[in-house]
Amino acid sequence: MIFYAPEVKAALDAGRPIVALETTIVTHGMPYPINVRTARSLEDIIRAEGAVPATIAIMDGTILIGITDLELERLAHAGDVRKLSRADLADALVKRQLGATTVAATMLIAARAGIRVFATGGIGGVHRGAERTFDASADLSELARSPVTVVCAGAKAILDLPKTLEVLETLGVPAIGYGTDTFPAFYSRESGLRAPLRCDTPEEVAALVRMQRALGMSSGVLVANPIPHAAEIPFDEMQTYVDAAIAAADERGIGGKELTPFLLGDVLERTGGRSLTANVALVENNARLAARIARAMTAA
């Protein structure tokens, strides 16, 4: 059921640093060929930082931990790839369907494989209007149960960020601002919300994770790494695009798993492609930091 790429298996056996990567960024997050180019770039960055990338996908009834270029191209070109979270992972495996892993599914699989660090763009969270729809991402509950350190640029800007932070606190998930006292908002370095915790080096993050484990805590740790200055879209400007995208989704009755891809695509159009440029920059930045944290955790 689980196949480890030789590079990943060798790193696990030797206790070398590994960084998990998701695949919805390939299938649902970016257009071709930028999605493939970005996926390869993330792996190259992680290797350059002295760690091993483990890109995770579901193919032909098997969980792949580490994928080949051919498998990456298959994901990028297939039109029937399922966006998999915890709830439907087993179903896709039984039906031998092609699946890309969300943050939640990637965390679950990484934890089972013994991979302790995961790099992504942004986590899911509480959607706006959740008091009516109860729409909240499974990423939050997975962070509460899977002992994986997730490096992201905060929660996606399309979400209700104050409620997302409240839920993380309720679930006991440490939410760290990396080098900042302000919680980042994906495309923007600042959201106007205070980050609950702060760390300034990979070693500080590794020490916090070690203390979590020493206390018997099995939750994940969220590291919110601000997008590089040169690539950010200011928060107030970004909110005008997000508000318009959410209104468009409401008009069309779009919700559930289809909501996030729709909103990201709508925002892409409204920003004239700037949001995609920002997305690539922030996820590459996160991969770099995740590799450094993985090295610090391995050295401990």
C-alpha atoms as a PDB file:
ATOM      1  CA  MET A   1       0.000   0.000   0.000  1.00  0.00           C
ATOM      2  CA  ILE A   2       2.946   2.363   0.629  1.00  0.00           C
ATOM      3  CA  PHE A   3       5.867   2.719  -1.761  1.00  0.00           C
ATOM      4  CA  TYR A   4       8.932   4.679  -0.726  1.00  0.00           C
ATOM      5  CA  ALA A   5      11.119   6.195  -3.410  1.00  0.00           C
ATOM      6  CA  PRO A   6      14.691   4.877  -3.021  1.00  0.00           C
ATOM      7  CA  GLU A   7      16.004   8.329  -2.033  1.00  0.00           C
ATOM      8  CA  VAL A   8      13.380   8.653   0.708  1.00  0.00           C
ATOM      9  CA  LYS A   9      13.837   5.089   1.967  1.00  0.00           C
ATOM     10  CA  ALA A  10      17.594   5.582   2.224  1.00  0.00           C
ATOM     11  CA  ALA A  11      17.121   8.834   4.144  1.00  0.00           C
ATOM     12  CA  LEU A  12      14.651   7.226   6.568  1.00  0.00           C
ATOM     13  CA  ASP A  13      16.991   4.305   7.199  1.00  0.00           C
ATOM     14  CA  ALA A  14      19.935   6.661   7.808  1.00  0.00           C
ATOM     15  CA  GLY A  15      18.008   9.151   9.937  1.00  0.00           C
ATOM     16  CA  ARG A  16      18.670  11.989   7.495  1.00  0.00           C
ATOM     17  CA  PRO A  17      16.411  15.092   7.336  1.00  0.00           C
ATOM     18  CA  ILE A  18      13.338  14.732   5.113  1.00  0.00           C
ATOM     19  CA  VAL A  19      10.683  17.259   4.082  1.00  0.00           C
ATOM     20  CA  ALA A  20       7.256  16.100   2.923  1.00  0.00           C
ATOM     21  CA  LEU A  21       5.527  17.919   0.059  1.00  0.00           C
ATOM     22  CA  GLU A  22       1.864  17.834  -0.973  1.00  0.00           C
ATOM     23  CA  THR A  23       0.519  17.439  -4.509  1.00  0.00           C
ATOM     24  CA  THR A  24      -2.674  19.506  -4.618  1.00  0.00           C
ATOM     25  CA  ILE A  25      -0.415  22.409  -5.526  1.00  0.00           C
ATOM     26  CA  VAL A  26       0.231  20.492  -8.766  1.00  0.00           C
ATOM     27  CA  THR A  27      -3.331  19.414  -9.512  1.00  0.00           C
ATOM     28  CA  HIS A  28      -5.495  22.164  -8.039  1.00  0.00           C
ATOM     29  CA  GLY A  29      -3.247  25.071  -7.063  1.00  0.00           C
ATOM     30  CA  MET A  30      -1.307  26.153 -10.158  1.00  0.00           C
ATOM     31  CA  PRO A  31      -1.701  25.957 -13.946  1.00  0.00           C
ATOM     32  CA  TYR A  32       0.531  23.876 -16.203  1.00  0.00           C
ATOM     33  CA  PRO A  33       3.509  24.129 -16.711  1.00  0.00           C
ATOM     34  CA  ILE A  34       4.130  26.389 -13.680  1.00  0.00           C
ATOM     35  CA  ASN A  35       2.841  23.646 -11.380  1.00  0.00           C
ATOM     36  CA  VAL A  36       5.418  21.107 -12.584  1.00  0.00           C
ATOM     37  CA  ARG A  37       8.217  23.641 -12.649  1.00  0.00           C
ATOM     38  CA  THR A  38       7.394  24.706  -9.080  1.00  0.00           C
ATOM     39  CA  ALA A  39       7.158  21.118  -7.812  1.00  0.00           C
ATOM     40  CA  ARG A  40      10.622  20.383  -9.199  1.00  0.00           C
ATOM     41  CA  SER A  41      11.971  23.647  -7.814  1.00  0.00           C
ATOM     42  CA  LEU A  42      10.764  22.755  -4.308  1.00  0.00           C
ATOM     43  CA  GLU A  43      12.571  19.419  -4.456  1.00  0.00           C
ATOM     44  CA  ASP A  44      15.748  21.104  -5.735  1.00  0.00           C
ATOM     45  CA  ILE A  45      15.646  23.706  -2.946  1.00  0.00           C
ATOM     46  CA  ILE A  46      15.230  21.046  -0.273  1.00  0.00           C
ATOM     47  CA  ARG A  47      18.148  19.032  -1.641  1.00  0.00           C
ATOM     48  CA  ALA A  48      20.325  22.145  -1.853  1.00  0.00           C
ATOM     49  CA  GLU A  49      19.631  22.725   1.846  1.00  0.00           C
ATOM     50  CA  GLY A  50      20.855  19.248   2.752  1.00  0.00           C
ATOM     51  CA  ALA A  51      17.530  17.453   3.146  1.00  0.00           C
ATOM     52  CA  VAL A  52      15.558  14.933   1.085  1.00  0.00           C
ATOM     53  CA  PRO A  53      12.192  15.837  -0.519  1.00  0.00           C
ATOM     54  CA  ALA A  54       9.277  13.410  -0.212  1.00  0.00           C
ATOM     55  CA  THR A  55       6.480  14.440  -2.562  1.00  0.00           C
ATOM     56  CA  ILE A  56       3.346  12.434  -1.718  1.00  0.00           C
ATOM     57  CA  ALA A  57       0.611  11.235  -4.091  1.00  0.00           C
ATOM     58  CA  ILE A  58      -1.888   8.388  -4.558  1.00  0.00           C
ATOM     59  CA  MET A  59      -1.680   6.225  -7.677  1.00  0.00           C
ATOM     60  CA  ASP A  60      -3.108   2.832  -8.590  1.00  0.00           C
ATOM     61  CA  GLY A  61      -4.003   1.849  -5.034  1.00  0.00           C
ATOM     62  CA  THR A  62      -0.635   2.874  -3.620  1.00  0.00           C
ATOM     63  CA  ILE A  63       0.603   5.733  -1.471  1.00  0.00           C
ATOM     64  CA  LEU A  64       3.743   7.081  -3.111  1.00  0.00           C
ATOM     65  CA  ILE A  65       6.202   8.801  -0.800  1.00  0.00           C
ATOM     66  CA  GLY A  66       8.506  10.373  -3.325  1.00  0.00           C
ATOM     67  CA  ILE A  67       7.478  10.523  -6.995  1.00  0.00           C
ATOM     68  CA  THR A  68       9.330  10.415 -10.310  1.00  0.00           C
ATOM     69  CA  ASP A  69       9.240  13.035 -13.069  1.00  0.00           C
ATOM     70  CA  LEU A  70       6.920  10.770 -15.067  1.00  0.00           C
ATOM     71  CA  GLU A  71       4.536  10.447 -12.125  1.00  0.00           C
ATOM     72  CA  LEU A  72       4.610  14.205 -11.617  1.00  0.00           C
ATOM     73  CA  GLU A  73       3.705  14.766 -15.273  1.00  0.00           C
ATOM     74  CA  ARG A  74       0.897  12.234 -14.971  1.00  0.00           C
ATOM     75  CA  LEU A  75      -0.586  14.169 -12.061  1.00  0.00           C
ATOM     76  CA  ALA A  76      -0.210  17.457 -13.891  1.00  0.00           C
ATOM     77  CA  HIS A  77      -1.965  16.280 -17.063  1.00  0.00           C
ATOM     78  CA  ALA A  78      -4.698  13.996 -15.725  1.00  0.00           C
ATOM     79  CA  GLY A  79      -8.123  15.564 -15.577  1.00  0.00           C
ATOM     80  CA  ASP A  80      -9.633  13.248 -12.979  1.00  0.00           C
ATOM     81  CA  VAL A  81      -7.308  13.659  -9.999  1.00  0.00           C
ATOM     82  CA  ARG A  82      -9.105  13.553  -6.661  1.00  0.00           C
ATOM     83  CA  LYS A  83      -8.257  16.135  -4.023  1.00  0.00           C
ATOM     84  CA  LEU A  84      -7.791  13.884  -1.011  1.00  0.00           C
ATOM     85  CA  SER A  85      -8.118  14.613   2.675  1.00  0.00           C
ATOM     86  CA  ARG A  86      -8.355  12.214   5.628  1.00  0.00           C
ATOM     87  CA  ALA A  87     -12.023  11.386   5.012  1.00  0.00           C
ATOM     88  CA  ASP A  88     -11.633  10.069   1.460  1.00  0.00           C
ATOM     89  CA  LEU A  89      -8.060   8.766   1.383  1.00  0.00           C
ATOM     90  CA  ALA A  90      -9.041   5.138   1.979  1.00  0.00           C
ATOM     91  CA  ASP A  91     -11.808   5.304  -0.638  1.00  0.00           C
ATOM     92  CA  ALA A  92      -9.395   6.504  -3.330  1.00  0.00           C
ATOM     93  CA  LEU A  93      -6.936   3.736  -2.464  1.00  0.00           C
ATOM     94  CA  VAL A  94      -9.597   1.022  -2.602  1.00  0.00           C
ATOM     95  CA  LYS A  95     -10.848   2.319  -5.959  1.00  0.00           C
ATOM     96  CA  ARG A  96      -7.280   2.667  -7.269  1.00  0.00           C
ATOM     97  CA  GLN A  97      -7.905   6.254  -8.262  1.00  0.00           C
ATOM     98  CA  LEU A  98      -5.427   9.024  -8.924  1.00  0.00           C
ATOM     99  CA  GLY A  99      -5.219  11.384  -5.973  1.00  0.00           C
ATOM    100  CA  ALA A 100      -3.376  14.488  -4.831  1.00  0.00           C
ATOM    101  CA  THR A 101      -2.862  15.002  -1.130  1.00  0.00           C
ATOM    102  CA  THR A 102      -4.077  18.060   0.759  1.00  0.00           C
ATOM    103  CA  VAL A 103      -2.319  19.396   3.851  1.00  0.00           C
ATOM    104  CA  ALA A 104      -4.363  17.051   6.059  1.00  0.00           C
ATOM    105  CA  ALA A 105      -3.682  13.913   4.009  1.00  0.00           C
ATOM    106  CA  THR A 106      -0.002  14.770   3.606  1.00  0.00           C
ATOM    107  CA  MET A 107       0.362  15.234   7.366  1.00  0.00           C
ATOM    108  CA  LEU A 108      -1.360  11.917   8.057  1.00  0.00           C
ATOM    109  CA  ILE A 109       0.868  10.023   5.627  1.00  0.00           C
ATOM    110  CA  ALA A 110       4.058  11.814   6.688  1.00  0.00           C
ATOM    111  CA  ALA A 111       3.396  11.013  10.341  1.00  0.00           C
ATOM    112  CA  ARG A 112       2.835   7.340   9.550  1.00  0.00           C
ATOM    113  CA  ALA A 113       6.070   7.270   7.536  1.00  0.00           C
ATOM    114  CA  GLY A 114       8.103   8.909  10.289  1.00  0.00           C
ATOM    115  CA  ILE A 115       8.620  12.182   8.387  1.00  0.00           C
ATOM    116  CA  ARG A 116       8.545  15.049  10.857  1.00  0.00           C
ATOM    117  CA  VAL A 117       8.551  18.180   8.676  1.00  0.00           C
ATOM    118  CA  PHE A 118       6.237  19.257   5.866  1.00  0.00           C
ATOM    119  CA  ALA A 119       6.390  22.346   3.606  1.00  0.00           C
ATOM    120  CA  THR A 120       3.296  23.789   1.963  1.00  0.00           C
ATOM    121  CA  GLY A 121       1.971  27.120   0.726  1.00  0.00           C
ATOM    122  CA  GLY A 122      -0.785  27.871   3.210  1.00  0.00           C
ATOM    123  CA  ILE A 123      -2.999  25.768   5.429  1.00  0.00           C
ATOM    124  CA  GLY A 124      -6.756  25.585   5.178  1.00  0.00           C
ATOM    125  CA  GLY A 125      -8.827  26.931   8.034  1.00  0.00           C
ATOM    126  CA  VAL A 126     -12.198  28.365   8.953  1.00  0.00           C
ATOM    127  CA  HIS A 127     -13.998  29.747   5.910  1.00  0.00           C
ATOM    128  CA  ARG A 128     -15.792  33.052   6.013  1.00  0.00           C
ATOM    129  CA  GLY A 129     -19.439  32.544   6.875  1.00  0.00           C
ATOM    130  CA  ALA A 130     -18.645  29.346   8.772  1.00  0.00           C
ATOM    131  CA  GLU A 131     -21.270  30.302  11.348  1.00  0.00           C
ATOM    132  CA  ARG A 132     -23.784  29.498   8.577  1.00  0.00           C
ATOM    133  CA  THR A 133     -22.020  26.779   6.591  1.00  0.00           C
ATOM    134  CA  PHE A 134     -19.842  25.095   9.255  1.00  0.00           C
ATOM    135  CA  ASP A 135     -17.133  25.039   6.563  1.00  0.00           C
ATOM    136  CA  ALA A 136     -13.770  24.500   8.210  1.00  0.00           C
ATOM    137  CA  SER A 137     -10.804  22.651   6.759  1.00  0.00           C
ATOM    138  CA  ALA A 138      -9.747  19.226   7.989  1.00  0.00           C
ATOM    139  CA  ASP A 139      -6.219  20.682   8.065  1.00  0.00           C
ATOM    140  CA  LEU A 140      -6.981  22.141  11.502  1.00  0.00           C
ATOM    141  CA  SER A 141      -8.057  18.874  13.129  1.00  0.00           C
ATOM    142  CA  GLU A 142      -5.155  17.068  11.475  1.00  0.00           C
ATOM    143  CA  LEU A 143      -2.736  19.563  13.000  1.00  0.00           C
ATOM    144  CA  ALA A 144      -4.192  18.576  16.368  1.00  0.00           C
ATOM    145  CA  ARG A 145      -3.548  14.867  15.871  1.00  0.00           C
ATOM    146  CA  SER A 146      -0.498  14.351  13.604  1.00  0.00           C
ATOM    147  CA  PRO A 147       2.963  15.120  15.071  1.00  0.00           C
ATOM    148  CA  VAL A 148       4.326  16.937  12.023  1.00  0.00           C
ATOM    149  CA  THR A 149       5.844  20.416  11.874  1.00  0.00           C
ATOM    150  CA  VAL A 150       4.105  22.293   9.060  1.00  0.00           C
ATOM    151  CA  VAL A 151       5.885  25.250   7.462  1.00  0.00           C
ATOM    152  CA  CYS A 152       3.518  27.568   5.610  1.00  0.00           C
ATOM    153  CA  ALA A 153       2.938  31.254   4.851  1.00  0.00           C
ATOM    154  CA  GLY A 154       0.028  31.323   7.276  1.00  0.00           C
ATOM    155  CA  ALA A 155      -3.534  30.356   6.458  1.00  0.00           C
ATOM    156  CA  LYS A 156      -4.868  31.091   2.979  1.00  0.00           C
ATOM    157  CA  ALA A 157      -5.971  34.719   2.598  1.00  0.00           C
ATOM    158  CA  ILE A 158      -9.456  33.645   1.497  1.00  0.00           C
ATOM    159  CA  LEU A 159     -10.213  32.403   5.035  1.00  0.00           C
ATOM    160  CA  ASP A 160     -11.489  33.907   8.269  1.00  0.00           C
ATOM    161  CA  LEU A 161      -8.076  34.336   9.889  1.00  0.00           C
ATOM    162  CA  PRO A 162      -9.197  35.357  13.411  1.00  0.00           C
ATOM    163  CA  LYS A 163     -11.466  32.309  13.673  1.00  0.00           C
ATOM    164  CA  THR A 164      -8.726  30.070  12.258  1.00  0.00           C
ATOM    165  CA  LEU A 165      -6.305  31.207  14.963  1.00  0.00           C
ATOM    166  CA  GLU A 166      -8.979  30.704  17.628  1.00  0.00           C
ATOM    167  CA  VAL A 167      -9.576  27.125  16.493  1.00  0.00           C
ATOM    168  CA  LEU A 168      -5.832  26.383  16.448  1.00  0.00           C
ATOM    169  CA  GLU A 169      -5.612  27.620  20.035  1.00  0.00           C
ATOM    170  CA  THR A 170      -8.624  25.549  21.074  1.00  0.00           C
ATOM    171  CA  LEU A 171      -7.055  22.451  19.505  1.00  0.00           C
ATOM    172  CA  GLY A 172      -3.762  23.076  21.310  1.00  0.00           C
ATOM    173  CA  VAL A 173      -1.709  23.611  18.159  1.00  0.00           C
ATOM    174  CA  PRO A 174       1.304  25.920  18.622  1.00  0.00           C
ATOM    175  CA  ALA A 175       1.138  28.636  15.939  1.00  0.00           C
ATOM    176  CA  ILE A 176       4.556  30.223  15.499  1.00  0.00           C
ATOM    177  CA  GLY A 177       5.353  33.418  13.658  1.00  0.00           C
ATOM    178  CA  TYR A 178       8.787  32.842  12.143  1.00  0.00           C
ATOM    179  CA  GLY A 179      10.825  35.998  12.644  1.00  0.00           C
ATOM    180  CA  THR A 180       7.659  38.004  13.206  1.00  0.00           C
ATOM    181  CA  ASP A 181       5.160  38.923  15.915  1.00  0.00           C
ATOM    182  CA  THR A 182       2.387  39.242  13.330  1.00  0.00           C
ATOM    183  CA  PHE A 183       0.611  36.252  11.808  1.00  0.00           C
ATOM    184  CA  PRO A 184       1.196  36.324   8.036  1.00  0.00           C
ATOM    185  CA  ALA A 185      -1.692  36.135   5.567  1.00  0.00           C
ATOM    186  CA  PHE A 186      -0.318  34.016   2.709  1.00  0.00           C
ATOM    187  CA  TYR A 187       0.123  36.647  -0.033  1.00  0.00           C
ATOM    188  CA  SER A 188       0.795  39.331   2.595  1.00  0.00           C
ATOM    189  CA  ARG A 189       3.437  39.516   5.297  1.00  0.00           C
ATOM    190  CA  GLU A 190       1.012  40.907   7.865  1.00  0.00           C
ATOM    191  CA  SER A 191      -2.631  40.222   8.673  1.00  0.00           C
ATOM    192  CA  GLY A 192      -3.018  42.660  11.549  1.00  0.00           C
ATOM    193  CA  LEU A 193      -3.289  39.667  13.906  1.00  0.00           C
ATOM    194  CA  ARG A 194      -0.706  38.843  16.528  1.00  0.00           C
ATOM    195  CA  ALA A 195       1.136  35.558  16.141  1.00  0.00           C
ATOM    196  CA  PRO A 196       0.591  33.483  19.303  1.00  0.00           C
ATOM    197  CA  LEU A 197       4.268  32.439  19.457  1.00  0.00           C
ATOM    198  CA  ARG A 198       7.544  33.519  17.856  1.00  0.00           C
ATOM    199  CA  CYS A 199      10.744  31.729  16.845  1.00  0.00           C
ATOM    200  CA  ASP A 200      13.655  33.321  14.995  1.00  0.00           C
ATOM    201  CA  THR A 201      15.831  30.358  14.003  1.00  0.00           C
ATOM    202  CA  PRO A 202      15.357  26.753  12.852  1.00  0.00           C
ATOM    203  CA  GLU A 203      17.056  25.666  16.061  1.00  0.00           C
ATOM    204  CA  GLU A 204      14.431  27.466  18.169  1.00  0.00           C
ATOM    205  CA  VAL A 205      11.664  25.702  16.273  1.00  0.00           C
ATOM    206  CA  ALA A 206      13.397  22.335  16.731  1.00  0.00           C
ATOM    207  CA  ALA A 207      13.779  22.980  20.471  1.00  0.00           C
ATOM    208  CA  LEU A 208      10.084  23.799  20.802  1.00  0.00           C
ATOM    209  CA  VAL A 209       9.131  20.624  18.941  1.00  0.00           C
ATOM    210  CA  ARG A 210      11.426  18.547  21.163  1.00  0.00           C
ATOM    211  CA  MET A 211       9.803  20.027  24.266  1.00  0.00           C
ATOM    212  CA  GLN A 212       6.356  19.244  22.857  1.00  0.00           C
ATOM    213  CA  ARG A 213       7.353  15.612  22.488  1.00  0.00           C
ATOM    214  CA  ALA A 214       9.002  15.521  25.934  1.00  0.00           C
ATOM    215  CA  LEU A 215       5.702  16.689  27.421  1.00  0.00           C
ATOM    216  CA  GLY A 216       3.903  13.859  25.643  1.00  0.00           C
ATOM    217  CA  MET A 217       2.043  16.163  23.249  1.00  0.00           C
ATOM    218  CA  SER A 218       1.249  14.554  19.924  1.00  0.00           C
ATOM    219  CA  SER A 219      -0.120  17.538  18.001  1.00  0.00           C
ATOM    220  CA  GLY A 220       1.557  19.143  15.047  1.00  0.00           C
ATOM    221  CA  VAL A 221       3.343  22.483  15.145  1.00  0.00           C
ATOM    222  CA  LEU A 222       2.504  25.300  12.729  1.00  0.00           C
ATOM    223  CA  VAL A 223       5.337  27.553  11.558  1.00  0.00           C
ATOM    224  CA  ALA A 224       4.000  30.634   9.750  1.00  0.00           C
ATOM    225  CA  ASN A 225       6.784  31.988   7.544  1.00  0.00           C
ATOM    226  CA  PRO A 226       6.050  35.390   5.918  1.00  0.00           C
ATOM    227  CA  ILE A 227       6.237  35.670   2.139  1.00  0.00           C
ATOM    228  CA  PRO A 228       9.422  37.438   0.920  1.00  0.00           C
ATOM    229  CA  HIS A 229       9.048  41.252   0.806  1.00  0.00           C
ATOM    230  CA  ALA A 230       9.577  41.486  -2.954  1.00  0.00           C
ATOM    231  CA  ALA A 231       6.704  39.111  -3.747  1.00  0.00           C
ATOM    232  CA  GLU A 232       4.002  40.179  -1.322  1.00  0.00           C
ATOM    233  CA  ILE A 233       0.670  41.795  -2.153  1.00  0.00           C
ATOM    234  CA  PRO A 234      -0.328  44.230   0.634  1.00  0.00           C
ATOM    235  CA  PHE A 235      -3.071  42.903   2.902  1.00  0.00           C
ATOM    236  CA  ASP A 236      -5.637  45.671   2.348  1.00  0.00           C
ATOM    237  CA  GLU A 237      -5.281  45.405  -1.427  1.00  0.00           C
ATOM    238  CA  MET A 238      -5.516  41.628  -1.312  1.00  0.00           C
ATOM    239  CA  GLN A 239      -8.718  41.725   0.715  1.00  0.00           C
ATOM    240  CA  THR A 240     -10.546  43.609  -2.058  1.00  0.00           C
ATOM    241  CA  TYR A 241      -9.765  40.771  -4.475  1.00  0.00           C
ATOM    242  CA  VAL A 242     -10.690  38.087  -1.942  1.00  0.00           C
ATOM    243  CA  ASP A 243     -13.993  39.765  -1.043  1.00  0.00           C
ATOM    244  CA  ALA A 244     -14.944  39.943  -4.717  1.00  0.00           C
ATOM    245  CA  ALA A 245     -13.990  36.292  -5.266  1.00  0.00           C
ATOM    246  CA  ILE A 246     -16.063  35.154  -2.285  1.00  0.00           C
ATOM    247  CA  ALA A 247     -19.056  37.119  -3.573  1.00  0.00           C
ATOM    248  CA  ALA A 248     -18.683  35.430  -6.962  1.00  0.00           C
ATOM    249  CA  ALA A 249     -18.548  31.988  -5.321  1.00  0.00           C
ATOM    250  CA  ASP A 250     -21.699  32.746  -3.303  1.00  0.00           C
ATOM    251  CA  GLU A 251     -23.536  33.818  -6.442  1.00  0.00           C
ATOM    252  CA  ARG A 252     -22.656  30.535  -8.155  1.00  0.00           C
ATOM    253  CA  GLY A 253     -23.352  28.352  -5.129  1.00  0.00           C
ATOM    254  CA  ILE A 254     -19.798  27.005  -5.015  1.00  0.00           C
ATOM    255  CA  GLY A 255     -18.721  25.375  -1.757  1.00  0.00           C
ATOM    256  CA  GLY A 256     -16.978  22.381  -0.186  1.00  0.00           C
ATOM    257  CA  LYS A 257     -13.828  21.090  -1.868  1.00  0.00           C
ATOM    258  CA  GLU A 258     -14.519  23.170  -4.957  1.00  0.00           C
ATOM    259  CA  LEU A 259     -14.462  26.457  -3.066  1.00  0.00           C
ATOM    260  CA  THR A 260     -10.741  26.943  -2.509  1.00  0.00           C
ATOM    261  CA  PRO A 261      -9.680  26.141  -6.115  1.00  0.00           C
ATOM    262  CA  PHE A 262     -12.400  28.485  -7.403  1.00  0.00           C
ATOM    263  CA  LEU A 263     -11.367  31.326  -5.109  1.00  0.00           C
ATOM    264  CA  LEU A 264      -7.691  30.958  -5.946  1.00  0.00           C
ATOM    265  CA  GLY A 265      -8.478  30.968  -9.659  1.00  0.00           C
ATOM    266  CA  ASP A 266     -10.732  33.993  -9.346  1.00  0.00           C
ATOM    267  CA  VAL A 267      -8.113  35.896  -7.345  1.00  0.00           C
ATOM    268  CA  LEU A 268      -5.521  34.983  -9.982  1.00  0.00           C
ATOM    269  CA  GLU A 269      -7.604  36.718 -12.634  1.00  0.00           C
ATOM    270  CA  ARG A 270      -8.296  39.770 -10.500  1.00  0.00           C
ATOM    271  CA  THR A 271      -4.612  40.257  -9.666  1.00  0.00           C
ATOM    272  CA  GLY A 272      -3.486  39.859 -13.260  1.00  0.00           C
ATOM    273  CA  GLY A 273      -1.311  36.875 -12.324  1.00  0.00           C
ATOM    274  CA  ARG A 274       0.422  38.535  -9.365  1.00  0.00           C
ATOM    275  CA  SER A 275      -1.100  36.066  -6.920  1.00  0.00           C
ATOM    276  CA  LEU A 276       0.496  33.147  -8.794  1.00  0.00           C
ATOM    277  CA  THR A 277       3.912  34.813  -8.723  1.00  0.00           C
ATOM    278  CA  ALA A 278       3.454  35.369  -4.995  1.00  0.00           C
ATOM    279  CA  ASN A 279       2.343  31.766  -4.479  1.00  0.00           C
ATOM    280  CA  VAL A 280       5.471  30.393  -6.143  1.00  0.00           C
ATOM    281  CA  ALA A 281       7.735  32.699  -4.128  1.00  0.00           C
ATOM    282  CA  LEU A 282       6.174  31.860  -0.786  1.00  0.00           C
ATOM    283  CA  VAL A 283       6.123  28.096  -1.235  1.00  0.00           C
ATOM    284  CA  GLU A 284       9.783  28.113  -2.326  1.00  0.00           C
ATOM    285  CA  ASN A 285      10.583  30.201   0.740  1.00  0.00           C
ATOM    286  CA  ASN A 286       8.743  27.686   2.919  1.00  0.00           C
ATOM    287  CA  ALA A 287      10.573  24.714   1.401  1.00  0.00           C
ATOM    288  CA  ARG A 288      13.906  26.350   2.201  1.00  0.00           C
ATOM    289  CA  LEU A 289      12.949  26.978   5.825  1.00  0.00           C
ATOM    290  CA  ALA A 290      11.413  23.510   6.223  1.00  0.00           C
ATOM    291  CA  ALA A 291      14.664  21.876   5.103  1.00  0.00           C
ATOM    292  CA  ARG A 292      16.611  23.932   7.631  1.00  0.00           C
ATOM    293  CA  ILE A 293      14.195  22.988  10.401  1.00  0.00           C
ATOM    294  CA  ALA A 294      14.423  19.313   9.394  1.00  0.00           C
ATOM    295  CA  ARG A 295      18.209  19.523   9.604  1.00  0.00           C
ATOM    296  CA  ALA A 296      18.002  21.170  13.053  1.00  0.00           C
ATOM    297  CA  MET A 297      15.607  18.486  14.272  1.00  0.00           C
ATOM    298  CA  THR A 298      17.826  15.703  12.955  1.00  0.00           C
ATOM    299  CA  ALA A 299      20.930  17.232  14.529  1.00  0.00           C
ATOM    300  CA  ALA A 300      19.288  17.360  17.939  1.00  0.00           C
END
